[in-house]
């Protein structure tokens, strides 16, 4: 697929997800099997996250509790 067509493909799939996935997350799922590269961390890395970093990768995430308890 050409770059423009591939971009449109990811945007279309993102739109059909009703806002659950961004075009970047669609791309990552297709190529790597995860929504975000941080999901590829080793278990040890999850236990030793830097202070204030959520499992989603955002620092001082407003939804950190939800991400840890309900999944991300």
N, C-alpha and C. Protein backbone atom coordinates (compact mmCIF):
# COMPACT_ATOMS: atom_id res chain seq x y z
N UNK A 1 0.83 -1.18 0.00
CA UNK A 1 0.00 0.00 0.00
C UNK A 1 0.87 1.24 0.00
N UNK A 2 0.42 2.26 -0.70
CA UNK A 2 1.17 3.52 -0.68
C UNK A 2 0.96 4.20 0.67
N UNK A 3 1.81 5.17 0.98
CA UNK A 3 1.75 5.85 2.26
C UNK A 3 0.41 6.51 2.53
N UNK A 4 -0.13 7.20 1.53
CA UNK A 4 -1.42 7.89 1.69
C UNK A 4 -2.56 6.89 1.88
N UNK A 5 -2.55 5.83 1.10
CA UNK A 5 -3.59 4.82 1.20
C UNK A 5 -3.52 4.11 2.55
N UNK A 6 -2.31 3.82 3.01
CA UNK A 6 -2.13 3.17 4.30
C UNK A 6 -2.61 4.07 5.42
N UNK A 7 -2.32 5.37 5.32
CA UNK A 7 -2.77 6.32 6.33
C UNK A 7 -4.30 6.36 6.36
N UNK A 8 -4.93 6.39 5.19
CA UNK A 8 -6.39 6.40 5.11
C UNK A 8 -6.95 5.11 5.70
N UNK A 9 -6.30 4.00 5.45
CA UNK A 9 -6.71 2.70 5.99
C UNK A 9 -6.75 2.75 7.52
N UNK A 10 -5.70 3.28 8.13
CA UNK A 10 -5.64 3.37 9.59
C UNK A 10 -6.68 4.33 10.14
N UNK A 11 -6.92 5.43 9.42
CA UNK A 11 -7.92 6.39 9.86
C UNK A 11 -9.33 5.80 9.76
N UNK A 12 -9.59 5.05 8.73
CA UNK A 12 -10.91 4.41 8.57
C UNK A 12 -11.15 3.41 9.70
N UNK A 13 -10.16 2.58 9.98
CA UNK A 13 -10.32 1.60 11.07
C UNK A 13 -10.46 2.30 12.41
N UNK A 14 -9.74 3.40 12.60
CA UNK A 14 -9.87 4.18 13.82
C UNK A 14 -11.28 4.74 13.96
N UNK A 15 -11.81 5.29 12.88
CA UNK A 15 -13.16 5.85 12.89
C UNK A 15 -14.21 4.78 13.21
N UNK A 16 -14.03 3.59 12.69
CA UNK A 16 -15.01 2.52 12.93
C UNK A 16 -14.90 1.92 14.33
N UNK A 17 -13.86 2.29 15.06
CA UNK A 17 -13.72 1.78 16.43
C UNK A 17 -14.48 2.65 17.43
N UNK A 18 -15.21 3.64 16.93
CA UNK A 18 -15.97 4.55 17.80
C UNK A 18 -15.09 5.25 18.83
N UNK A 19 -13.91 5.66 18.40
CA UNK A 19 -13.01 6.41 19.27
C UNK A 19 -12.19 5.58 20.22
N UNK A 20 -12.27 4.26 20.14
CA UNK A 20 -11.51 3.40 21.04
C UNK A 20 -10.05 3.28 20.62
N UNK A 21 -9.78 3.47 19.33
CA UNK A 21 -8.41 3.36 18.82
C UNK A 21 -8.06 4.58 18.00
N UNK A 22 -6.84 5.05 18.15
CA UNK A 22 -6.34 6.11 17.29
C UNK A 22 -5.73 5.46 16.05
N UNK A 23 -5.52 6.23 14.98
CA UNK A 23 -4.86 5.66 13.81
C UNK A 23 -3.49 5.05 14.16
N UNK A 24 -2.78 5.70 15.07
CA UNK A 24 -1.47 5.17 15.48
C UNK A 24 -1.62 3.82 16.19
N UNK A 25 -2.65 3.68 17.03
CA UNK A 25 -2.87 2.41 17.72
C UNK A 25 -3.26 1.31 16.73
N UNK A 26 -4.04 1.66 15.71
CA UNK A 26 -4.38 0.69 14.67
C UNK A 26 -3.11 0.20 13.97
N UNK A 27 -2.24 1.14 13.62
CA UNK A 27 -0.96 0.80 12.98
C UNK A 27 -0.15 -0.13 13.88
N UNK A 28 -0.02 0.25 15.16
CA UNK A 28 0.77 -0.56 16.10
C UNK A 28 0.18 -1.96 16.27
N UNK A 29 -1.13 -2.06 16.34
CA UNK A 29 -1.76 -3.38 16.48
C UNK A 29 -1.48 -4.25 15.26
N UNK A 30 -1.55 -3.66 14.08
CA UNK A 30 -1.29 -4.43 12.86
C UNK A 30 0.16 -4.89 12.75
N UNK A 31 1.09 -4.03 13.15
CA UNK A 31 2.50 -4.33 12.96
C UNK A 31 3.17 -5.03 14.15
N UNK A 32 2.74 -4.69 15.36
CA UNK A 32 3.43 -5.22 16.54
C UNK A 32 2.55 -6.05 17.46
N UNK A 33 1.23 -6.00 17.26
CA UNK A 33 0.32 -6.76 18.11
C UNK A 33 0.00 -6.10 19.43
N UNK A 34 0.41 -4.86 19.61
CA UNK A 34 0.11 -4.09 20.83
C UNK A 34 -0.30 -2.68 20.42
N UNK A 35 -1.06 -2.01 21.31
CA UNK A 35 -1.49 -0.64 20.99
C UNK A 35 -0.38 0.37 21.19
N UNK A 36 0.49 0.11 22.14
CA UNK A 36 1.55 1.07 22.46
C UNK A 36 2.85 0.32 22.71
N UNK A 37 3.96 0.86 22.25
CA UNK A 37 5.25 0.16 22.43
C UNK A 37 5.58 -0.16 23.89
N UNK A 38 5.06 0.62 24.83
CA UNK A 38 5.36 0.35 26.24
C UNK A 38 4.80 -0.99 26.69
N UNK A 39 3.83 -1.54 25.95
CA UNK A 39 3.28 -2.85 26.30
C UNK A 39 4.29 -3.97 26.09
N UNK A 40 5.37 -3.68 25.39
CA UNK A 40 6.40 -4.69 25.14
C UNK A 40 7.45 -4.74 26.25
N UNK A 41 7.24 -3.96 27.30
CA UNK A 41 8.18 -3.97 28.42
C UNK A 41 8.21 -5.33 29.10
N UNK A 42 9.36 -5.65 29.70
CA UNK A 42 9.47 -6.85 30.50
C UNK A 42 8.70 -6.67 31.80
N UNK A 43 8.27 -7.76 32.42
CA UNK A 43 7.52 -7.70 33.67
C UNK A 43 8.29 -6.93 34.74
N UNK A 44 9.60 -7.09 34.76
CA UNK A 44 10.43 -6.39 35.73
C UNK A 44 10.34 -4.88 35.56
N UNK A 45 10.25 -4.44 34.31
CA UNK A 45 10.15 -3.01 34.03
C UNK A 45 8.83 -2.43 34.54
N UNK A 46 7.75 -3.22 34.49
CA UNK A 46 6.46 -2.74 34.98
C UNK A 46 6.52 -2.50 36.48
N UNK A 47 7.27 -3.32 37.17
CA UNK A 47 7.35 -3.20 38.62
C UNK A 47 8.20 -2.01 39.04
N UNK A 48 9.06 -1.54 38.15
CA UNK A 48 9.99 -0.46 38.49
C UNK A 48 9.76 0.78 37.63
N UNK A 49 8.50 1.15 37.43
CA UNK A 49 8.20 2.34 36.63
C UNK A 49 8.73 3.59 37.35
N UNK A 50 9.17 4.58 36.59
CA UNK A 50 9.59 5.83 37.21
C UNK A 50 8.44 6.47 37.99
N UNK A 51 8.78 7.24 38.99
CA UNK A 51 7.78 7.91 39.83
C UNK A 51 6.80 8.71 38.99
N UNK A 52 5.51 8.46 39.21
CA UNK A 52 4.47 9.21 38.53
C UNK A 52 4.10 8.72 37.14
N UNK A 53 4.76 7.66 36.64
CA UNK A 53 4.44 7.15 35.31
C UNK A 53 3.38 6.07 35.39
N UNK A 54 2.35 6.24 34.60
CA UNK A 54 1.25 5.28 34.51
C UNK A 54 1.67 4.12 33.60
N UNK A 55 0.95 3.03 33.67
CA UNK A 55 1.25 1.91 32.78
C UNK A 55 0.99 2.24 31.33
N UNK A 56 0.21 3.30 31.07
CA UNK A 56 -0.05 3.71 29.69
C UNK A 56 1.12 4.52 29.13
N UNK A 57 2.08 4.87 29.99
CA UNK A 57 3.25 5.62 29.54
C UNK A 57 3.18 7.10 29.83
N UNK A 58 2.03 7.59 30.21
CA UNK A 58 1.87 9.01 30.50
C UNK A 58 2.31 9.31 31.93
N UNK A 59 2.98 10.43 32.10
CA UNK A 59 3.39 10.85 33.44
C UNK A 59 2.24 11.64 34.05
N UNK A 60 1.92 11.35 35.30
CA UNK A 60 0.81 11.98 36.03
C UNK A 60 -0.52 11.81 35.29
N UNK A 61 -0.79 10.61 34.84
CA UNK A 61 -2.01 10.29 34.10
C UNK A 61 -3.22 10.44 35.02
N UNK A 62 -4.25 11.14 34.55
CA UNK A 62 -5.44 11.34 35.37
C UNK A 62 -6.24 10.05 35.55
N UNK A 63 -6.02 9.06 34.68
CA UNK A 63 -6.75 7.80 34.75
C UNK A 63 -5.86 6.64 35.20
N UNK A 64 -4.78 6.94 35.91
CA UNK A 64 -3.83 5.89 36.30
C UNK A 64 -4.49 4.78 37.10
N UNK A 65 -5.32 5.14 38.07
CA UNK A 65 -5.98 4.11 38.89
C UNK A 65 -6.81 3.17 38.02
N UNK A 66 -7.56 3.73 37.10
CA UNK A 66 -8.40 2.93 36.22
C UNK A 66 -7.54 2.02 35.35
N UNK A 67 -6.43 2.54 34.84
CA UNK A 67 -5.55 1.73 34.00
C UNK A 67 -4.98 0.55 34.76
N UNK A 68 -4.59 0.77 35.99
CA UNK A 68 -4.01 -0.32 36.78
C UNK A 68 -5.08 -1.33 37.23
N UNK A 69 -6.28 -0.88 37.53
CA UNK A 69 -7.28 -1.78 38.08
C UNK A 69 -8.18 -2.42 37.02
N UNK A 70 -8.45 -1.71 35.94
CA UNK A 70 -9.37 -2.23 34.93
C UNK A 70 -8.68 -2.62 33.63
N UNK A 71 -7.42 -2.35 33.56
CA UNK A 71 -6.69 -2.67 32.35
C UNK A 71 -6.53 -1.47 31.46
N UNK A 72 -5.54 -1.57 30.62
CA UNK A 72 -5.24 -0.47 29.71
C UNK A 72 -5.20 -0.98 28.33
